[in-house]
N, C-alpha and C. Protein backbone atom coordinates (compact mmCIF):
# COMPACT_ATOMS: atom_id res chain seq x y z
N MET A 1 124.21 38.85 95.60
CA MET A 1 122.99 39.62 95.44
C MET A 1 123.15 41.04 96.12
N THR A 2 121.85 41.75 95.55
CA THR A 2 121.60 42.97 95.98
C THR A 2 121.34 43.24 97.52
N LYS A 3 121.10 42.14 98.21
CA LYS A 3 120.68 42.34 99.75
C LYS A 3 121.66 43.34 100.25
N GLN A 4 122.88 42.82 100.29
CA GLN A 4 123.90 43.51 101.09
C GLN A 4 123.89 44.95 100.62
N ASN A 5 123.35 45.43 99.71
CA ASN A 5 123.68 46.93 99.06
C ASN A 5 122.70 47.65 99.80
N ARG A 6 121.46 47.26 100.28
CA ARG A 6 120.27 47.96 100.75
C ARG A 6 120.47 48.20 102.26
N ASN A 7 120.05 49.31 102.55
CA ASN A 7 120.02 49.99 103.86
C ASN A 7 119.17 49.96 104.83
N ILE A 8 118.12 49.00 104.26
CA ILE A 8 116.95 48.66 105.34
C ILE A 8 117.33 47.58 106.29
N LEU A 9 117.00 47.70 107.60
CA LEU A 9 117.13 47.02 108.37
C LEU A 9 115.81 46.28 108.96
N PHE A 10 115.62 44.88 108.93
CA PHE A 10 114.51 44.19 109.05
C PHE A 10 114.77 43.80 110.31
N THR A 11 113.64 43.57 110.98
CA THR A 11 113.36 43.23 112.50
C THR A 11 112.41 41.99 112.41
N THR A 12 112.50 41.18 113.44
CA THR A 12 111.19 40.07 113.82
C THR A 12 110.66 40.19 114.90
N VAL A 13 109.39 39.77 114.69
CA VAL A 13 108.10 40.05 115.73
C VAL A 13 107.20 38.83 115.82
N ALA A 14 107.53 38.16 117.04
CA ALA A 14 106.80 37.08 117.75
C ALA A 14 105.35 37.29 117.36
N ILE A 15 104.68 36.12 116.57
CA ILE A 15 103.29 36.36 116.63
C ILE A 15 102.68 34.86 116.73
N ASP A 16 101.57 34.61 117.35
CA ASP A 16 100.92 33.20 117.25
C ASP A 16 100.78 32.80 116.26
N LYS A 17 100.45 31.31 116.00
CA LYS A 17 100.11 30.52 114.63
C LYS A 17 98.40 31.49 114.37
N GLU A 18 97.44 31.49 115.30
CA GLU A 18 96.22 31.93 114.58
C GLU A 18 96.41 33.64 113.92
N THR A 19 97.51 34.41 114.46
CA THR A 19 97.35 35.85 114.28
C THR A 19 98.38 35.47 112.62
N ASP A 20 99.23 34.71 112.38
CA ASP A 20 99.80 33.89 111.50
C ASP A 20 98.89 33.95 109.97
N LYS A 21 98.05 33.02 110.61
CA LYS A 21 97.06 32.56 109.53
C LYS A 21 95.97 33.66 109.17
N MET A 22 95.74 34.63 110.11
CA MET A 22 95.09 36.02 109.57
C MET A 22 95.78 36.71 108.64
N ILE A 23 97.08 36.76 108.86
CA ILE A 23 98.01 37.65 108.08
C ILE A 23 98.01 37.01 106.63
N ASP A 24 98.10 35.69 106.53
CA ASP A 24 98.30 34.77 105.52
C ASP A 24 96.95 34.92 104.55
N LYS A 25 95.70 35.04 105.38
CA LYS A 25 94.42 35.06 104.53
C LYS A 25 94.64 36.50 103.89
N LEU A 26 94.75 37.31 104.84
CA LEU A 26 94.75 38.88 104.16
C LEU A 26 95.66 38.85 103.03
N CYS A 27 96.90 38.41 103.23
CA CYS A 27 97.73 38.47 102.02
C CYS A 27 97.37 37.95 100.71
N LYS A 28 96.66 36.75 100.68
CA LYS A 28 96.15 36.09 99.52
C LYS A 28 94.92 37.05 99.35
N ARG A 29 94.14 37.69 100.05
CA ARG A 29 93.05 38.34 99.49
C ARG A 29 93.35 39.66 98.59
N TYR A 30 94.35 40.12 99.17
CA TYR A 30 94.75 41.61 98.65
C TYR A 30 96.19 41.35 97.89
N SER A 31 96.49 40.28 98.00
CA SER A 31 97.98 39.89 97.01
C SER A 31 98.90 40.67 97.33
N LEU A 32 99.20 40.86 98.53
CA LEU A 32 100.17 41.66 99.35
C LEU A 32 101.33 40.32 99.85
N LYS A 33 102.36 41.07 100.29
CA LYS A 33 103.38 40.51 101.04
C LYS A 33 103.32 40.56 102.51
N LYS A 34 103.49 39.59 103.45
CA LYS A 34 103.54 39.86 104.69
C LYS A 34 104.11 41.19 105.45
N ARG A 35 105.22 41.51 104.77
CA ARG A 35 105.67 42.60 105.51
C ARG A 35 104.99 43.78 104.88
N GLU A 36 104.25 43.92 103.96
CA GLU A 36 103.45 44.84 103.04
C GLU A 36 101.99 45.11 103.96
N ILE A 37 101.58 43.93 104.05
CA ILE A 37 100.20 44.02 104.93
C ILE A 37 100.51 44.50 106.29
N VAL A 38 101.53 43.84 106.90
CA VAL A 38 101.67 44.46 108.60
C VAL A 38 101.79 46.11 108.38
N LYS A 39 102.97 46.71 107.45
CA LYS A 39 103.33 48.04 107.24
C LYS A 39 102.10 48.86 106.96
N LEU A 40 101.34 48.33 106.20
CA LEU A 40 99.93 49.00 105.59
C LEU A 40 98.99 48.83 106.69
N ALA A 41 98.79 48.16 107.67
CA ALA A 41 98.05 48.09 108.76
C ALA A 41 98.38 48.87 109.62
N PHE A 42 99.56 49.01 110.09
CA PHE A 42 100.26 50.03 110.87
C PHE A 42 100.12 51.55 110.68
N LEU A 43 99.95 51.69 109.32
CA LEU A 43 99.83 53.04 108.95
C LEU A 43 98.72 53.40 108.93
N TYR A 44 97.55 52.50 108.73
CA TYR A 44 96.29 52.83 108.68
C TYR A 44 95.83 53.01 110.15
N LEU A 45 96.16 52.22 111.21
CA LEU A 45 95.96 52.43 112.72
C LEU A 45 96.55 54.03 112.85
N ASP A 46 97.77 54.13 112.35
CA ASP A 46 98.56 55.47 112.75
C ASP A 46 97.64 56.65 112.28
N LYS A 47 97.31 56.77 110.88
CA LYS A 47 96.65 57.71 110.17
C LYS A 47 95.22 57.76 110.62
N ALA A 48 94.62 56.94 111.15
CA ALA A 48 93.15 56.93 111.62
C ALA A 48 93.01 57.04 113.24
N HIS A 49 94.14 57.02 113.71
CA HIS A 49 94.14 57.31 115.15
C HIS A 49 93.51 56.47 115.90
N ILE A 50 93.57 55.09 115.59
CA ILE A 50 92.88 53.93 116.24
C ILE A 50 93.88 53.14 117.11
N ASN A 51 93.42 53.17 118.13
CA ASN A 51 94.11 52.62 119.31
C ASN A 51 93.56 51.08 119.38
N PRO A 52 94.44 49.96 118.99
CA PRO A 52 93.87 48.89 118.89
C PRO A 52 93.83 48.30 120.38
N ALA A 53 94.12 48.95 121.17
CA ALA A 53 93.83 48.36 122.63
C ALA A 53 92.32 48.63 122.87
N ASP A 54 91.85 49.81 122.44
CA ASP A 54 90.44 50.25 122.60
C ASP A 54 89.48 49.54 121.55
N ALA A 55 89.46 48.33 121.38
CA ALA A 55 88.53 47.98 120.55
C ALA A 55 87.26 47.93 120.61
N PRO A 56 86.40 48.45 119.81
CA PRO A 56 84.91 48.69 119.99
C PRO A 56 84.39 47.66 120.71
N GLU A 57 83.18 48.02 121.21
CA GLU A 57 82.26 47.17 121.91
C GLU A 57 81.71 45.91 121.24
N SER A 58 81.18 46.49 120.09
CA SER A 58 80.42 45.65 119.24
C SER A 58 80.40 46.55 117.70
N VAL A 59 80.16 45.76 116.86
CA VAL A 59 79.68 46.38 115.43
C VAL A 59 78.54 47.13 115.62
N LYS A 60 77.60 46.70 116.08
CA LYS A 60 76.43 47.04 116.05
C LYS A 60 76.35 48.35 117.16
N SER A 61 77.17 48.56 118.14
CA SER A 61 77.38 49.99 118.97
C SER A 61 78.06 50.92 118.13
N GLU A 62 79.06 50.52 117.43
CA GLU A 62 79.38 51.38 116.57
C GLU A 62 78.53 51.79 115.44
N LEU A 63 77.91 51.14 114.78
CA LEU A 63 76.81 51.39 113.73
C LEU A 63 75.93 52.03 114.45
N SER A 64 75.48 52.16 115.67
CA SER A 64 74.30 52.93 116.48
C SER A 64 75.08 54.43 116.44
N LYS A 65 76.29 54.22 116.84
CA LYS A 65 77.15 55.82 116.92
C LYS A 65 76.91 56.48 115.59
N ILE A 66 77.36 55.81 114.40
CA ILE A 66 77.11 56.38 113.14
C ILE A 66 75.91 57.06 112.78
N ASN A 67 74.89 56.01 113.09
CA ASN A 67 73.52 56.30 112.87
C ASN A 67 73.13 57.59 113.33
N LYS A 68 73.42 57.54 114.81
CA LYS A 68 73.41 59.01 115.70
C LYS A 68 73.96 60.13 115.06
N ARG A 69 75.05 60.09 114.69
CA ARG A 69 75.65 61.15 114.03
C ARG A 69 75.09 61.75 112.71
N GLN A 70 74.67 60.64 111.94
CA GLN A 70 73.80 60.88 110.63
C GLN A 70 72.37 61.54 111.03
N ASP A 71 71.91 61.25 112.05
CA ASP A 71 70.49 61.74 112.36
C ASP A 71 71.09 63.07 112.95
N ASP A 72 71.86 63.35 113.72
CA ASP A 72 72.10 64.62 114.11
C ASP A 72 72.51 65.59 112.90
N ILE A 73 73.37 65.22 112.05
CA ILE A 73 73.49 66.10 110.81
C ILE A 73 72.11 66.15 109.95
N ILE A 74 71.36 65.23 109.94
CA ILE A 74 70.01 65.36 109.28
C ILE A 74 69.14 66.61 109.62
N ARG A 75 69.39 66.34 111.42
CA ARG A 75 68.27 67.35 112.24
C ARG A 75 68.92 68.96 111.72
N PHE A 76 70.18 68.77 111.92
CA PHE A 76 70.85 70.08 111.63
C PHE A 76 70.48 70.74 110.26
N ILE A 77 70.52 70.22 109.12
CA ILE A 77 70.23 70.48 108.24
C ILE A 77 68.94 70.77 107.86
N ARG A 78 67.75 70.22 108.29
CA ARG A 78 66.26 70.41 108.46
C ARG A 78 66.00 71.70 109.26
N LYS A 79 66.61 72.06 110.38
CA LYS A 79 66.66 72.98 111.17
C LYS A 79 67.06 74.20 110.31
N TYR A 80 68.23 74.12 109.57
CA TYR A 80 68.95 75.22 109.07
C TYR A 80 68.01 75.42 107.87
N GLU A 81 67.12 74.67 107.22
CA GLU A 81 66.54 74.89 105.72
C GLU A 81 65.02 75.48 106.54
N GLU A 82 64.69 75.09 107.56
CA GLU A 82 63.36 75.80 108.02
C GLU A 82 63.54 77.19 108.60
N ASP A 83 64.74 77.49 109.33
CA ASP A 83 65.06 78.74 109.99
C ASP A 83 65.68 79.67 108.79
N GLN A 84 66.50 79.16 107.53
CA GLN A 84 67.16 79.99 106.70
C GLN A 84 66.74 80.05 105.31
N LEU A 85 66.66 78.80 104.77
CA LEU A 85 66.35 78.62 103.63
C LEU A 85 64.87 79.09 103.18
N ASN A 86 64.05 78.49 104.09
CA ASN A 86 62.81 78.63 103.70
C ASN A 86 62.07 80.02 103.48
N PRO A 87 62.68 81.14 104.81
CA PRO A 87 62.53 82.28 104.46
C PRO A 87 63.04 83.05 103.55
N MET A 88 64.10 82.81 103.20
CA MET A 88 64.80 83.22 101.73
C MET A 88 64.28 82.74 100.47
N ILE A 89 63.90 81.75 100.51
CA ILE A 89 62.96 81.35 99.23
C ILE A 89 61.62 81.91 99.24
N ARG A 90 61.01 82.14 100.34
CA ARG A 90 59.79 82.76 100.11
C ARG A 90 59.82 84.24 99.92
N THR A 91 61.18 85.02 100.57
CA THR A 91 61.26 86.21 100.12
C THR A 91 61.52 86.35 98.45
N SER A 92 62.29 85.56 98.19
CA SER A 92 63.00 85.72 96.88
C SER A 92 61.48 85.74 95.92
N HIS A 93 60.66 84.50 96.25
CA HIS A 93 59.64 84.34 95.48
C HIS A 93 58.48 85.90 95.60
N SER A 94 58.46 86.10 96.63
CA SER A 94 57.60 87.47 96.83
C SER A 94 58.16 88.50 96.01
N ILE A 95 59.62 88.82 95.83
CA ILE A 95 60.20 89.53 95.29
C ILE A 95 59.97 89.56 93.92
N ALA A 96 59.95 88.18 93.16
CA ALA A 96 59.73 87.65 91.78
C ALA A 96 58.18 88.11 91.22
N VAL A 97 57.49 87.79 92.27
CA VAL A 97 55.92 88.14 92.04
C VAL A 97 55.89 89.71 91.89
N LYS A 98 56.45 90.31 92.83
CA LYS A 98 56.12 91.95 92.85
C LYS A 98 56.73 92.37 91.48
N PHE A 99 57.85 91.90 90.87
CA PHE A 99 58.62 92.01 89.89
C PHE A 99 57.88 91.86 88.46
N ASP A 100 56.86 90.65 88.33
CA ASP A 100 56.44 90.48 87.39
C ASP A 100 55.02 91.21 87.36
N VAL A 101 54.19 91.80 88.83
CA VAL A 101 53.12 92.89 88.49
C VAL A 101 53.96 93.68 87.80
N SER A 102 54.78 94.57 88.30
CA SER A 102 55.39 95.77 87.97
C SER A 102 55.88 95.52 86.37
N VAL A 103 56.37 94.67 85.94
CA VAL A 103 56.65 94.82 84.45
C VAL A 103 55.36 94.96 83.65
N LYS A 104 54.55 93.69 84.04
CA LYS A 104 52.83 93.86 83.66
C LYS A 104 52.27 95.15 83.58
N GLU A 105 52.57 95.99 84.81
CA GLU A 105 51.80 97.31 84.65
C GLU A 105 52.57 97.97 83.68
N GLN A 106 53.85 98.04 83.65
CA GLN A 106 54.91 99.10 82.83
C GLN A 106 54.36 98.65 81.22
N LYS A 107 54.36 97.21 81.17
CA LYS A 107 53.90 97.03 79.63
C LYS A 107 52.41 97.38 79.57
N GLU A 108 51.58 97.25 79.96
CA GLU A 108 50.28 97.94 79.78
C GLU A 108 50.55 99.59 79.58
N LEU A 109 51.23 100.13 80.69
CA LEU A 109 51.34 101.67 80.48
C LEU A 109 51.99 102.00 78.94
N ILE A 110 53.12 101.22 78.48
CA ILE A 110 53.68 101.38 77.40
C ILE A 110 53.14 101.20 76.03
N VAL A 111 52.21 100.38 76.33
CA VAL A 111 51.28 99.65 75.14
C VAL A 111 50.22 100.97 75.07
N SER A 112 49.77 101.27 76.12
CA SER A 112 48.48 102.40 75.97
C SER A 112 49.10 103.67 75.59
N GLU A 113 50.32 104.04 75.91
CA GLU A 113 51.29 105.20 75.39
C GLU A 113 51.43 105.06 73.83
N ILE A 114 51.85 104.02 73.28
CA ILE A 114 52.12 103.54 72.23
C ILE A 114 50.83 104.00 71.38
N ASN A 115 49.49 103.32 71.91
CA ASN A 115 48.41 103.63 71.29
C ASN A 115 47.92 104.84 71.22
N THR A 116 47.80 105.58 72.51
CA THR A 116 47.65 107.32 72.27
C THR A 116 48.60 107.82 71.07
N SER A 117 49.76 107.58 71.13
CA SER A 117 50.71 108.34 70.21
C SER A 117 50.10 107.86 68.89
N ARG A 118 49.89 106.71 68.63
CA ARG A 118 49.33 106.40 67.12
C ARG A 118 48.12 107.03 66.81
N GLU A 119 47.32 106.96 67.70
CA GLU A 119 46.05 107.87 67.49
C GLU A 119 46.18 109.44 67.19
N LEU A 120 47.12 110.08 67.69
CA LEU A 120 47.59 111.42 67.64
C LEU A 120 48.11 111.42 66.21
N GLN A 121 48.95 110.52 65.95
CA GLN A 121 49.54 110.69 64.73
C GLN A 121 48.62 110.35 63.76
N ASP A 122 47.82 109.24 63.82
CA ASP A 122 46.95 109.34 62.52
C ASP A 122 45.76 110.49 62.63
N ASN A 123 45.53 111.11 63.56
CA ASN A 123 44.66 112.22 63.50
C ASN A 123 45.28 113.50 62.81
N VAL A 124 46.80 113.45 63.10
CA VAL A 124 47.30 114.59 62.47
C VAL A 124 47.57 114.25 61.13
N LEU A 125 47.79 113.20 60.51
CA LEU A 125 47.79 112.80 59.27
C LEU A 125 46.61 112.91 58.40
N LYS A 126 45.17 112.67 59.21
CA LYS A 126 44.14 112.95 58.45
C LYS A 126 43.68 114.27 58.33
N LYS A 127 44.28 115.22 59.12
CA LYS A 127 44.01 116.75 59.03
C LYS A 127 44.63 117.29 57.63
N LYS A 128 45.78 116.79 57.49
CA LYS A 128 46.46 116.97 56.04
C LYS A 128 46.23 116.49 55.02
């Protein structure tokens, strides 16, 4: 067969029956071979920088750490909104209001000038 042509060296690791059952269970759940699940598990531990010897105290403590981190982020967002975004919004709204007022004044002035010009034109035309 082709097994002789492969350059892959396999090694054996001794595990207890309980661990073997856990691996079998995971293999069935994810439809993987034992060597695939072991390789993927080690890649995950390496990529996530997880030390398996430093097991978390409890799921509850890990969740509380995550919740604390989320609360810190939410506090930061609210503080930023209060200190930076709200003043910018108020300033831009103030500018928009001033612009609207200015446009209305300009419109009234232009309409007034147009009406005055029409009256003058009508007066000139009536004299002829």
